[in-house]
Amino acid sequence: MMKQIQKILVLVFTIGTFAVAHAQTTNTTSPTTTQSATPKFGHLNSDELIALMPQTQTARQQLQAFQASLQNDLKLMETEFQTMYTDFLQKSKSNSFASETQKNTQQKNLEDMQNRIVDFQENAQQELGKKEVELLQPVLEKAQKAIDEVAAENGFTYILDTSKGAVLFAQESLDILPLVKAKLGIQ
């Protein structure tokens, strides 16, 4: 008997909920009421958008030039180390060091140079990462501003980024990439 009452209450509650939901969706007193009650979804591939922006190409070229400069500096350090090492090996084979102290000093210089090379490589990697952020941040901000404007102009409630792989299912969603490209003047 108690189970039947519970089933009846669940049924009444379910019917009541659908009735209220139906009444809310059919009650259209103004166009803004319906629009705000129904979210509008859009999507775009932000990686594709960023790749299409001309500023990205400029930033990438500047980043490559910076990277080439760092690589050139590293190569100069490695060449200097190789020269010092070759000189050390030749003197070691021919026993042409003036003293054991001179040999130890040159060996210490080689170790110091090797440590400077390792430090330079680590710092260069960090500098390269910072430079990339510095160069691409204005591009990302410009893209976000355009996305925000397109969303506002077209009444979107949510914009999903399909490049991040977070959207597992999307129905009735508008790809706004063409709108954002137009906003940015990209063909």
C-alpha atoms as a PDB file:
ATOM      1  CA  MET A   1       0.000   0.000   0.000  1.00  0.00           C
ATOM      2  CA  MET A   2       2.812   2.383   0.924  1.00  0.00           C
ATOM      3  CA  LYS A   3       4.640   1.656  -2.369  1.00  0.00           C
ATOM      4  CA  GLN A   4       1.510   2.483  -4.355  1.00  0.00           C
ATOM      5  CA  ILE A   5       1.175   5.832  -2.591  1.00  0.00           C
ATOM      6  CA  GLN A   6       4.832   6.607  -3.340  1.00  0.00           C
ATOM      7  CA  LYS A   7       4.337   5.737  -7.031  1.00  0.00           C
ATOM      8  CA  ILE A   8       1.251   7.969  -7.188  1.00  0.00           C
ATOM      9  CA  LEU A   9       3.118  10.868  -5.544  1.00  0.00           C
ATOM     10  CA  VAL A  10       6.036  10.481  -7.972  1.00  0.00           C
ATOM     11  CA  LEU A  11       3.609  10.398 -10.889  1.00  0.00           C
ATOM     12  CA  VAL A  12       1.749  13.509  -9.660  1.00  0.00           C
ATOM     13  CA  PHE A  13       5.031  15.321  -9.055  1.00  0.00           C
ATOM     14  CA  THR A  14       6.329  14.413 -12.530  1.00  0.00           C
ATOM     15  CA  ILE A  15       3.111  15.493 -14.244  1.00  0.00           C
ATOM     16  CA  GLY A  16       3.113  18.709 -12.232  1.00  0.00           C
ATOM     17  CA  THR A  17       6.689  19.477 -13.191  1.00  0.00           C
ATOM     18  CA  PHE A  18       5.991  18.955 -16.897  1.00  0.00           C
ATOM     19  CA  ALA A  19       2.863  21.091 -16.655  1.00  0.00           C
ATOM     20  CA  VAL A  20       4.794  23.959 -15.053  1.00  0.00           C
ATOM     21  CA  ALA A  21       7.618  23.647 -17.597  1.00  0.00           C
ATOM     22  CA  HIS A  22       5.130  23.598 -20.469  1.00  0.00           C
ATOM     23  CA  ALA A  23       3.298  26.617 -19.091  1.00  0.00           C
ATOM     24  CA  GLN A  24       6.570  28.546 -18.801  1.00  0.00           C
ATOM     25  CA  THR A  25       7.622  27.788 -22.363  1.00  0.00           C
ATOM     26  CA  THR A  26       4.237  28.623 -23.839  1.00  0.00           C
ATOM     27  CA  ASN A  27       3.835  31.814 -21.813  1.00  0.00           C
ATOM     28  CA  THR A  28       5.416  34.340 -24.128  1.00  0.00           C
ATOM     29  CA  THR A  29       4.527  37.733 -22.793  1.00  0.00           C
ATOM     30  CA  SER A  30       7.535  39.361 -24.415  1.00  0.00           C
ATOM     31  CA  PRO A  31      10.260  38.323 -26.859  1.00  0.00           C
ATOM     32  CA  THR A  32      13.007  38.887 -24.283  1.00  0.00           C
ATOM     33  CA  THR A  33      11.404  36.476 -21.832  1.00  0.00           C
ATOM     34  CA  THR A  34      11.641  33.596 -24.293  1.00  0.00           C
ATOM     35  CA  GLN A  35      15.155  34.555 -25.354  1.00  0.00           C
ATOM     36  CA  SER A  36      16.524  34.703 -21.816  1.00  0.00           C
ATOM     37  CA  ALA A  37      14.799  31.456 -20.830  1.00  0.00           C
ATOM     38  CA  THR A  38      16.324  29.543 -23.752  1.00  0.00           C
ATOM     39  CA  PRO A  39      20.110  29.620 -23.834  1.00  0.00           C
ATOM     40  CA  LYS A  40      21.730  30.058 -27.225  1.00  0.00           C
ATOM     41  CA  PHE A  41      24.894  28.026 -27.815  1.00  0.00           C
ATOM     42  CA  GLY A  42      27.673  28.596 -30.304  1.00  0.00           C
ATOM     43  CA  HIS A  43      31.033  26.995 -30.873  1.00  0.00           C
ATOM     44  CA  LEU A  44      34.330  27.622 -32.586  1.00  0.00           C
ATOM     45  CA  ASN A  45      37.777  26.110 -32.866  1.00  0.00           C
ATOM     46  CA  SER A  46      40.020  28.682 -31.152  1.00  0.00           C
ATOM     47  CA  ASP A  47      43.210  27.017 -32.427  1.00  0.00           C
ATOM     48  CA  GLU A  48      41.990  27.464 -35.997  1.00  0.00           C
ATOM     49  CA  LEU A  49      41.014  31.081 -35.308  1.00  0.00           C
ATOM     50  CA  ILE A  50      44.398  31.931 -33.773  1.00  0.00           C
ATOM     51  CA  ALA A  51      46.236  30.233 -36.661  1.00  0.00           C
ATOM     52  CA  LEU A  52      44.265  32.323 -39.184  1.00  0.00           C
ATOM     53  CA  MET A  53      45.039  35.670 -37.548  1.00  0.00           C
ATOM     54  CA  PRO A  54      47.832  37.599 -39.317  1.00  0.00           C
ATOM     55  CA  GLN A  55      49.211  38.764 -35.958  1.00  0.00           C
ATOM     56  CA  THR A  56      49.942  35.127 -35.103  1.00  0.00           C
ATOM     57  CA  GLN A  57      52.209  34.765 -38.114  1.00  0.00           C
ATOM     58  CA  THR A  58      54.080  37.936 -37.120  1.00  0.00           C
ATOM     59  CA  ALA A  59      54.428  36.723 -33.535  1.00  0.00           C
ATOM     60  CA  ARG A  60      55.684  33.320 -34.731  1.00  0.00           C
ATOM     61  CA  GLN A  61      58.288  34.974 -36.972  1.00  0.00           C
ATOM     62  CA  GLN A  62      59.513  37.139 -34.094  1.00  0.00           C
ATOM     63  CA  LEU A  63      59.637  34.100 -31.835  1.00  0.00           C
ATOM     64  CA  GLN A  64      61.640  32.146 -34.427  1.00  0.00           C
ATOM     65  CA  ALA A  65      64.106  35.048 -34.747  1.00  0.00           C
ATOM     66  CA  PHE A  66      64.496  35.151 -30.962  1.00  0.00           C
ATOM     67  CA  GLN A  67      65.000  31.388 -30.868  1.00  0.00           C
ATOM     68  CA  ALA A  68      67.611  31.601 -33.648  1.00  0.00           C
ATOM     69  CA  SER A  69      69.471  34.274 -31.667  1.00  0.00           C
ATOM     70  CA  LEU A  70      69.513  32.051 -28.577  1.00  0.00           C
ATOM     71  CA  GLN A  71      70.683  29.075 -30.646  1.00  0.00           C
ATOM     72  CA  ASN A  72      73.455  31.185 -32.169  1.00  0.00           C
ATOM     73  CA  ASP A  73      74.635  32.249 -28.709  1.00  0.00           C
ATOM     74  CA  LEU A  74      74.597  28.617 -27.575  1.00  0.00           C
ATOM     75  CA  LYS A  75      76.546  27.522 -30.620  1.00  0.00           C
ATOM     76  CA  LEU A  76      79.208  30.163 -29.920  1.00  0.00           C
ATOM     77  CA  MET A  77      79.519  28.929 -26.336  1.00  0.00           C
ATOM     78  CA  GLU A  78      79.774  25.309 -27.493  1.00  0.00           C
ATOM     79  CA  THR A  79      82.422  26.234 -30.073  1.00  0.00           C
ATOM     80  CA  GLU A  80      84.441  28.045 -27.409  1.00  0.00           C
ATOM     81  CA  PHE A  81      84.107  25.015 -25.113  1.00  0.00           C
ATOM     82  CA  GLN A  82      85.196  22.654 -27.889  1.00  0.00           C
ATOM     83  CA  THR A  83      88.257  24.817 -28.603  1.00  0.00           C
ATOM     84  CA  MET A  84      89.192  24.879 -24.917  1.00  0.00           C
ATOM     85  CA  TYR A  85      88.661  21.117 -24.636  1.00  0.00           C
ATOM     86  CA  THR A  86      90.758  20.334 -27.715  1.00  0.00           C
ATOM     87  CA  ASP A  87      93.541  22.549 -26.373  1.00  0.00           C
ATOM     88  CA  PHE A  88      93.329  20.806 -22.987  1.00  0.00           C
ATOM     89  CA  LEU A  89      93.518  17.335 -24.588  1.00  0.00           C
ATOM     90  CA  GLN A  90      96.530  18.282 -26.712  1.00  0.00           C
ATOM     91  CA  LYS A  91      98.401  19.688 -23.739  1.00  0.00           C
ATOM     92  CA  SER A  92      97.474  16.652 -21.652  1.00  0.00           C
ATOM     93  CA  LYS A  93      98.802  14.208 -24.273  1.00  0.00           C
ATOM     94  CA  SER A  94     102.031  16.099 -24.743  1.00  0.00           C
ATOM     95  CA  ASN A  95     102.443  16.925 -21.050  1.00  0.00           C
ATOM     96  CA  SER A  96     102.971  20.568 -21.985  1.00  0.00           C
ATOM     97  CA  PHE A  97     101.342  22.091 -18.921  1.00  0.00           C
ATOM     98  CA  ALA A  98     103.787  24.253 -17.002  1.00  0.00           C
ATOM     99  CA  SER A  99     102.530  22.777 -13.759  1.00  0.00           C
ATOM    100  CA  GLU A 100      99.845  20.557 -12.282  1.00  0.00           C
ATOM    101  CA  THR A 101      98.171  23.754 -11.035  1.00  0.00           C
ATOM    102  CA  GLN A 102      97.881  25.066 -14.592  1.00  0.00           C
ATOM    103  CA  LYS A 103      96.344  21.750 -15.685  1.00  0.00           C
ATOM    104  CA  ASN A 104      93.849  21.852 -12.791  1.00  0.00           C
ATOM    105  CA  THR A 105      92.994  25.468 -13.589  1.00  0.00           C
ATOM    106  CA  GLN A 106      92.231  24.661 -17.226  1.00  0.00           C
ATOM    107  CA  GLN A 107      90.199  21.633 -16.169  1.00  0.00           C
ATOM    108  CA  LYS A 108      88.247  23.839 -13.759  1.00  0.00           C
ATOM    109  CA  ASN A 109      87.680  26.373 -16.566  1.00  0.00           C
ATOM    110  CA  LEU A 110      86.280  23.589 -18.751  1.00  0.00           C
ATOM    111  CA  GLU A 111      83.898  22.495 -15.995  1.00  0.00           C
ATOM    112  CA  ASP A 112      82.793  26.102 -15.434  1.00  0.00           C
ATOM    113  CA  MET A 113      82.202  26.586 -19.147  1.00  0.00           C
ATOM    114  CA  GLN A 114      80.192  23.356 -19.305  1.00  0.00           C
ATOM    115  CA  ASN A 115      78.070  24.532 -16.352  1.00  0.00           C
ATOM    116  CA  ARG A 116      77.503  27.910 -18.038  1.00  0.00           C
ATOM    117  CA  ILE A 117      76.318  26.097 -21.175  1.00  0.00           C
ATOM    118  CA  VAL A 118      73.851  23.995 -19.174  1.00  0.00           C
ATOM    119  CA  ASP A 119      72.608  27.099 -17.310  1.00  0.00           C
ATOM    120  CA  PHE A 120      72.272  28.978 -20.589  1.00  0.00           C
ATOM    121  CA  GLN A 121      70.203  26.160 -22.106  1.00  0.00           C
ATOM    122  CA  GLU A 122      67.837  26.118 -19.122  1.00  0.00           C
ATOM    123  CA  ASN A 123      67.498  29.906 -19.059  1.00  0.00           C
ATOM    124  CA  ALA A 124      67.052  30.057 -22.818  1.00  0.00           C
ATOM    125  CA  GLN A 125      64.145  27.609 -22.608  1.00  0.00           C
ATOM    126  CA  GLN A 126      62.493  29.767 -19.940  1.00  0.00           C
ATOM    127  CA  GLU A 127      63.140  32.967 -21.881  1.00  0.00           C
ATOM    128  CA  LEU A 128      61.688  31.400 -25.006  1.00  0.00           C
ATOM    129  CA  GLY A 129      58.523  30.462 -23.126  1.00  0.00           C
ATOM    130  CA  LYS A 130      58.192  33.979 -21.687  1.00  0.00           C
ATOM    131  CA  LYS A 131      58.748  35.520 -25.111  1.00  0.00           C
ATOM    132  CA  GLU A 132      56.051  33.292 -26.614  1.00  0.00           C
ATOM    133  CA  VAL A 133      53.559  34.406 -23.971  1.00  0.00           C
ATOM    134  CA  GLU A 134      54.585  38.039 -24.459  1.00  0.00           C
ATOM    135  CA  LEU A 135      54.133  37.865 -28.242  1.00  0.00           C
ATOM    136  CA  LEU A 136      50.919  35.804 -28.336  1.00  0.00           C
ATOM    137  CA  GLN A 137      49.068  37.467 -25.440  1.00  0.00           C
ATOM    138  CA  PRO A 138      47.893  40.446 -27.560  1.00  0.00           C
ATOM    139  CA  VAL A 139      46.707  38.011 -30.257  1.00  0.00           C
ATOM    140  CA  LEU A 140      44.743  35.966 -27.726  1.00  0.00           C
ATOM    141  CA  GLU A 141      43.238  39.108 -26.219  1.00  0.00           C
ATOM    142  CA  LYS A 142      42.176  40.379 -29.655  1.00  0.00           C
ATOM    143  CA  ALA A 143      40.580  37.016 -30.474  1.00  0.00           C
ATOM    144  CA  GLN A 144      38.747  36.938 -27.130  1.00  0.00           C
ATOM    145  CA  LYS A 145      37.473  40.479 -27.642  1.00  0.00           C
ATOM    146  CA  ALA A 146      36.123  39.546 -31.074  1.00  0.00           C
ATOM    147  CA  ILE A 147      34.477  36.399 -29.668  1.00  0.00           C
ATOM    148  CA  ASP A 148      32.896  38.436 -26.871  1.00  0.00           C
ATOM    149  CA  GLU A 149      31.576  41.015 -29.339  1.00  0.00           C
ATOM    150  CA  VAL A 150      30.144  38.385 -31.709  1.00  0.00           C
ATOM    151  CA  ALA A 151      28.506  36.601 -28.781  1.00  0.00           C
ATOM    152  CA  ALA A 152      26.937  39.820 -27.520  1.00  0.00           C
ATOM    153  CA  GLU A 153      25.826  40.994 -30.977  1.00  0.00           C
ATOM    154  CA  ASN A 154      24.201  37.646 -31.770  1.00  0.00           C
ATOM    155  CA  GLY A 155      22.660  36.911 -28.371  1.00  0.00           C
ATOM    156  CA  PHE A 156      24.740  33.866 -27.479  1.00  0.00           C
ATOM    157  CA  THR A 157      24.595  32.641 -23.910  1.00  0.00           C
ATOM    158  CA  TYR A 158      27.502  30.200 -24.224  1.00  0.00           C
ATOM    159  CA  ILE A 159      30.359  29.765 -26.678  1.00  0.00           C
ATOM    160  CA  LEU A 160      32.142  26.401 -26.562  1.00  0.00           C
ATOM    161  CA  ASP A 161      35.706  25.862 -27.750  1.00  0.00           C
ATOM    162  CA  THR A 162      35.864  22.695 -29.843  1.00  0.00           C
ATOM    163  CA  SER A 163      39.681  22.760 -30.035  1.00  0.00           C
ATOM    164  CA  LYS A 164      39.986  21.766 -26.383  1.00  0.00           C
ATOM    165  CA  GLY A 165      38.094  18.510 -26.813  1.00  0.00           C
ATOM    166  CA  ALA A 166      35.646  19.300 -24.028  1.00  0.00           C
ATOM    167  CA  VAL A 167      32.516  19.172 -26.168  1.00  0.00           C
ATOM    168  CA  LEU A 168      31.338  15.596 -26.348  1.00  0.00           C
ATOM    169  CA  PHE A 169      27.967  16.354 -27.852  1.00  0.00           C
ATOM    170  CA  ALA A 170      26.484  19.490 -29.345  1.00  0.00           C
ATOM    171  CA  GLN A 171      23.059  19.911 -30.833  1.00  0.00           C
ATOM    172  CA  GLU A 172      21.709  23.054 -32.410  1.00  0.00           C
ATOM    173  CA  SER A 173      24.930  24.952 -31.921  1.00  0.00           C
ATOM    174  CA  LEU A 174      26.121  27.570 -34.382  1.00  0.00           C
ATOM    175  CA  ASP A 175      29.765  27.634 -35.468  1.00  0.00           C
ATOM    176  CA  ILE A 176      30.681  31.280 -34.933  1.00  0.00           C
ATOM    177  CA  LEU A 177      34.155  31.043 -36.488  1.00  0.00           C
ATOM    178  CA  PRO A 178      32.971  32.737 -39.710  1.00  0.00           C
ATOM    179  CA  LEU A 179      31.401  35.561 -37.669  1.00  0.00           C
ATOM    180  CA  VAL A 180      34.568  36.077 -35.606  1.00  0.00           C
ATOM    181  CA  LYS A 181      36.744  35.939 -38.737  1.00  0.00           C
ATOM    182  CA  ALA A 182      34.543  38.621 -40.296  1.00  0.00           C
ATOM    183  CA  LYS A 183      34.807  40.705 -37.110  1.00  0.00           C
ATOM    184  CA  LEU A 184      38.607  40.474 -37.342  1.00  0.00           C
ATOM    185  CA  GLY A 185      38.662  41.113 -41.092  1.00  0.00           C
ATOM    186  CA  ILE A 186      40.040  37.654 -41.910  1.00  0.00           C
ATOM    187  CA  GLN A 187      38.857  36.016 -45.097  1.00  0.00           C
END
